[in-house]
Amino acid sequence: MRVTELFSSLASVLCVGAHPDDIEIGSGATLRAILRAQPSVDLRWLVLTSTPERAAEARESAHRYLRDVDLATIHSFRDGHLPYDDPAAVKAALVAHRSGFVPDLILAPSPRDAHQDHRFVGELVWQVYRDQVVFHYEIAKYEGDLVPANVYVPASEEDVRRKLADLYASYPSQVTKPWFDEDLFRGLMRLRGVEANAGSGYAEAFYAPKLIVA
């Protein structure tokens, strides 16, 4: 099935991040492809950790994708402490978000991620949303946890360019971090593009734990 055919059938998508910028780093180009294929999709945003500064950045970034910034929910759990600071409250926040909104597709961190915050959120998504298609995105990091993917979404050069430009425009607090690097973001998409034999040379890769063909 062509990606455009899959995405054009989506009525709703939930994007989940452990931190501000996770969603955009892991799936920013894919979100552009979804919005192009299905402009009326009900797209929503859920970020679990933030500070006041980072929450403001996350809302600005989400507004680049969402038709209404109020569709972005930004919580203030502590970065680096998700498995340890009241994990029941974190799960309750995710469960509460499910009320009245059952998405066709969820983009979320991977339960195989080496970063404890990412891994915990990925595990919670799999617990809370058992009947939805989940694409777990990847984020390159110090721990070196990249593994083979089983879902690839080719990305156009324009979508790659917009993803990188939006990241730098939305998250000025992160630009001095050694991992917040255009060459790294582009390089990972280039590697996945080779694996996907993408015409543009670029792709974003995901891990889908279960797909049911019906």
Protein backbone atom coordinates (compact mmCIF):
# COMPACT_ATOMS: atom_id res chain seq x y z
CA MET A 1 0.00 0.00 0.00
CA ARG A 2 1.26 3.47 -0.84
CA VAL A 3 1.81 5.77 2.12
CA THR A 4 -0.60 8.35 0.70
CA GLU A 5 -3.37 5.75 0.50
CA LEU A 6 -2.84 4.75 4.12
CA PHE A 7 -2.66 8.29 5.45
CA SER A 8 -5.63 9.54 3.45
CA SER A 9 -7.86 7.08 5.31
CA LEU A 10 -6.96 8.48 8.74
CA ALA A 11 -9.63 10.39 10.63
CA SER A 12 -7.62 11.03 13.80
CA VAL A 13 -4.02 10.92 14.99
CA LEU A 14 -2.56 11.30 18.48
CA CYS A 15 1.06 12.40 18.83
CA VAL A 16 2.68 11.58 22.17
CA GLY A 17 6.03 12.82 23.45
CA ALA A 18 7.89 12.33 26.69
CA HIS A 19 9.47 15.76 26.18
CA PRO A 20 8.86 18.86 24.10
CA ASP A 21 10.50 18.26 20.66
CA ASP A 22 10.28 14.42 20.81
CA ILE A 23 7.30 14.27 18.45
CA GLU A 24 8.83 16.63 15.90
CA ILE A 25 12.28 14.99 15.96
CA GLY A 26 10.83 11.51 15.58
CA SER A 27 7.99 12.16 13.15
CA GLY A 28 7.96 15.76 11.91
CA ALA A 29 8.26 14.84 8.22
CA THR A 30 5.69 12.06 8.57
CA LEU A 31 3.21 14.51 10.08
CA ARG A 32 3.64 16.74 7.04
CA ALA A 33 2.86 13.77 4.80
CA ILE A 34 -0.24 12.94 6.86
CA LEU A 35 -1.53 16.51 6.76
CA ARG A 36 -0.97 16.70 3.02
CA ALA A 37 -2.81 13.41 2.41
CA GLN A 38 -5.63 14.18 4.85
CA PRO A 39 -5.94 17.93 5.60
CA SER A 40 -9.05 17.39 7.74
CA VAL A 41 -7.44 14.82 10.06
CA ASP A 42 -8.15 15.38 13.77
CA LEU A 43 -4.56 15.76 14.97
CA ARG A 44 -3.80 16.09 18.68
CA TRP A 45 -0.67 16.54 20.77
CA LEU A 46 0.26 15.18 24.22
CA VAL A 47 3.58 15.98 25.92
CA LEU A 48 4.25 14.63 29.41
CA THR A 49 7.18 16.67 30.75
CA SER A 50 8.01 20.36 30.54
CA THR A 51 9.09 23.50 32.32
CA PRO A 52 7.28 26.82 31.71
CA GLU A 53 9.87 27.76 29.10
CA ARG A 54 9.77 24.43 27.33
CA ALA A 55 5.96 24.27 27.49
CA ALA A 56 5.80 27.59 25.62
CA GLU A 57 8.18 26.21 23.00
CA ALA A 58 6.14 23.03 22.68
CA ARG A 59 2.93 24.98 22.10
CA GLU A 60 4.57 27.13 19.46
CA SER A 61 5.87 24.05 17.69
CA ALA A 62 2.56 22.17 17.94
CA HIS A 63 0.79 25.15 16.40
CA ARG A 64 2.85 24.62 13.25
CA TYR A 65 1.02 21.31 12.80
CA LEU A 66 -2.30 21.69 14.62
CA ARG A 67 -5.22 23.76 13.34
CA ASP A 68 -5.94 24.76 16.97
CA VAL A 69 -3.21 25.01 19.59
CA ASP A 70 -5.79 24.06 22.24
CA LEU A 71 -5.53 20.52 20.82
CA ALA A 72 -2.08 20.36 22.43
CA THR A 73 -1.89 19.16 26.04
CA ILE A 74 1.42 19.86 27.77
CA HIS A 75 1.97 18.37 31.23
CA SER A 76 4.67 19.42 33.69
CA PHE A 77 6.06 16.14 34.99
CA ARG A 78 9.81 16.30 35.62
CA ASP A 79 12.19 15.56 32.77
CA GLY A 80 14.30 12.50 33.59
CA HIS A 81 11.99 11.27 36.35
CA LEU A 82 8.99 9.74 34.61
CA PRO A 83 9.44 6.16 35.83
CA TYR A 84 10.12 7.34 39.39
CA ASP A 85 7.95 10.39 40.17
CA ASP A 86 4.40 9.11 40.70
CA PRO A 87 4.17 6.85 37.63
CA ALA A 88 0.48 6.27 38.37
CA ALA A 89 -0.19 9.99 37.82
CA VAL A 90 1.60 9.88 34.47
CA LYS A 91 -0.48 6.90 33.39
CA ALA A 92 -3.65 8.64 34.61
CA ALA A 93 -2.79 11.65 32.42
CA LEU A 94 -2.56 9.38 29.40
CA VAL A 95 -5.78 7.55 30.30
CA ALA A 96 -7.60 10.87 30.76
CA HIS A 97 -6.50 11.95 27.31
CA ARG A 98 -8.09 8.83 25.85
CA SER A 99 -11.53 9.81 27.13
CA GLY A 100 -13.69 10.82 24.18
CA PHE A 101 -10.86 10.54 21.67
CA VAL A 102 -9.85 7.20 20.17
CA PRO A 103 -7.31 7.83 17.40
CA ASP A 104 -6.77 5.74 14.29
CA LEU A 105 -3.00 6.14 14.62
CA ILE A 106 -0.67 7.00 17.49
CA LEU A 107 2.87 8.31 17.06
CA ALA A 108 4.82 7.72 20.26
CA PRO A 109 8.28 6.97 21.67
CA SER A 110 9.49 3.40 21.52
CA PRO A 111 9.26 0.97 24.44
CA ARG A 112 12.68 -0.21 23.24
CA ASP A 113 14.21 3.27 23.68
CA ALA A 114 17.25 3.45 25.96
CA HIS A 115 16.14 6.77 27.48
CA GLN A 116 14.03 5.95 30.53
CA ASP A 117 11.45 8.71 29.89
CA HIS A 118 10.93 7.66 26.28
CA ARG A 119 10.77 3.98 27.18
CA PHE A 120 8.25 4.52 29.98
CA VAL A 121 5.92 6.57 27.77
CA GLY A 122 6.21 4.01 24.99
CA GLU A 123 5.25 1.23 27.39
CA LEU A 124 2.31 3.24 28.76
CA VAL A 125 0.97 3.94 25.27
CA TRP A 126 1.00 0.22 24.54
CA GLN A 127 -0.88 -0.45 27.80
CA VAL A 128 -3.50 2.27 27.40
CA TYR A 129 -4.17 1.98 23.67
CA ARG A 130 -4.53 -1.71 22.86
CA ASP A 131 -6.70 -1.49 19.76
CA GLN A 132 -4.98 1.35 17.91
CA VAL A 133 -2.18 1.26 15.37
CA VAL A 134 0.95 2.59 17.08
CA PHE A 135 4.03 3.77 15.21
CA HIS A 136 6.87 4.13 17.71
CA TYR A 137 9.33 6.73 16.44
CA GLU A 138 13.07 6.83 17.04
CA ILE A 139 15.41 9.51 18.37
CA ALA A 140 19.18 9.28 18.01
CA LYS A 141 20.99 9.73 21.31
CA TYR A 142 24.12 9.12 23.35
CA GLU A 143 22.99 5.64 24.42
CA GLY A 144 23.18 4.30 20.85
CA ASP A 145 19.91 2.36 20.81
CA LEU A 146 19.02 2.36 17.09
CA VAL A 147 17.54 -0.94 15.97
CA PRO A 148 16.03 -2.23 12.70
CA ALA A 149 12.67 -0.65 11.93
CA ASN A 150 9.64 -2.30 10.35
CA VAL A 151 7.79 0.80 9.11
CA TYR A 152 9.31 3.43 6.82
CA VAL A 153 7.73 6.68 5.64
CA PRO A 154 9.63 8.28 2.76
CA ALA A 155 10.12 12.02 3.24
CA SER A 156 10.39 14.63 0.51
CA GLU A 157 13.31 17.03 0.57
CA GLU A 158 10.85 19.84 1.29
CA ASP A 159 9.36 18.01 4.29
CA VAL A 160 12.88 17.35 5.61
CA ARG A 161 13.77 21.02 5.19
CA ARG A 162 10.59 22.19 6.93
CA LYS A 163 11.06 19.72 9.77
CA LEU A 164 14.57 21.00 10.47
CA ALA A 165 13.66 24.67 10.08
CA ASP A 166 10.68 24.30 12.41
CA LEU A 167 12.74 22.50 15.06
CA TYR A 168 15.31 25.29 15.17
CA ALA A 169 12.65 28.01 15.12
CA SER A 170 10.53 26.42 17.86
CA TYR A 171 13.17 25.21 20.31
CA PRO A 172 15.83 27.88 20.86
CA SER A 173 16.51 26.50 24.35
CA GLN A 174 17.86 23.30 22.81
CA VAL A 175 20.10 24.55 20.01
CA THR A 176 23.26 24.44 22.15
CA LYS A 177 22.73 20.78 23.05
CA PRO A 178 25.19 18.46 21.23
CA TRP A 179 22.38 16.13 20.11
CA PHE A 180 20.24 18.96 18.71
CA ASP A 181 22.04 19.01 15.41
CA GLU A 182 20.79 19.37 11.84
CA ASP A 183 23.42 16.99 10.48
CA LEU A 184 22.34 14.33 12.98
CA PHE A 185 18.63 14.73 12.23
CA ARG A 186 19.21 14.73 8.48
CA GLY A 187 21.76 11.91 8.67
CA LEU A 188 19.36 9.54 10.41
CA MET A 189 16.66 10.29 7.85
CA ARG A 190 19.21 9.72 5.08
CA LEU A 191 20.17 6.33 6.52
CA ARG A 192 16.54 5.28 6.81
CA GLY A 193 15.95 6.60 3.31
CA VAL A 194 18.56 4.21 1.96
CA GLU A 195 16.94 1.33 3.84
CA ALA A 196 13.54 2.29 2.45
CA ASN A 197 14.90 2.85 -1.08
CA ALA A 198 13.13 6.21 -0.95
CA GLY A 199 13.19 8.23 -4.13
CA SER A 200 14.11 11.39 -2.23
CA GLY A 201 16.82 9.59 -0.30
CA TYR A 202 15.12 10.34 3.02
CA ALA A 203 12.67 8.55 5.30
CA GLU A 204 11.52 8.41 8.91
CA ALA A 205 11.47 4.97 10.49
CA PHE A 206 9.14 3.47 13.08
CA TYR A 207 8.52 0.28 15.01
CA ALA A 208 4.94 -1.04 14.88
CA PRO A 209 4.50 -3.82 17.49
CA LYS A 210 1.21 -5.11 16.05
CA LEU A 211 -0.70 -4.57 12.84
CA ILE A 212 -4.05 -6.25 12.26
CA VAL A 213 -5.24 -6.60 8.68
CA ALA A 214 -9.04 -6.63 8.60
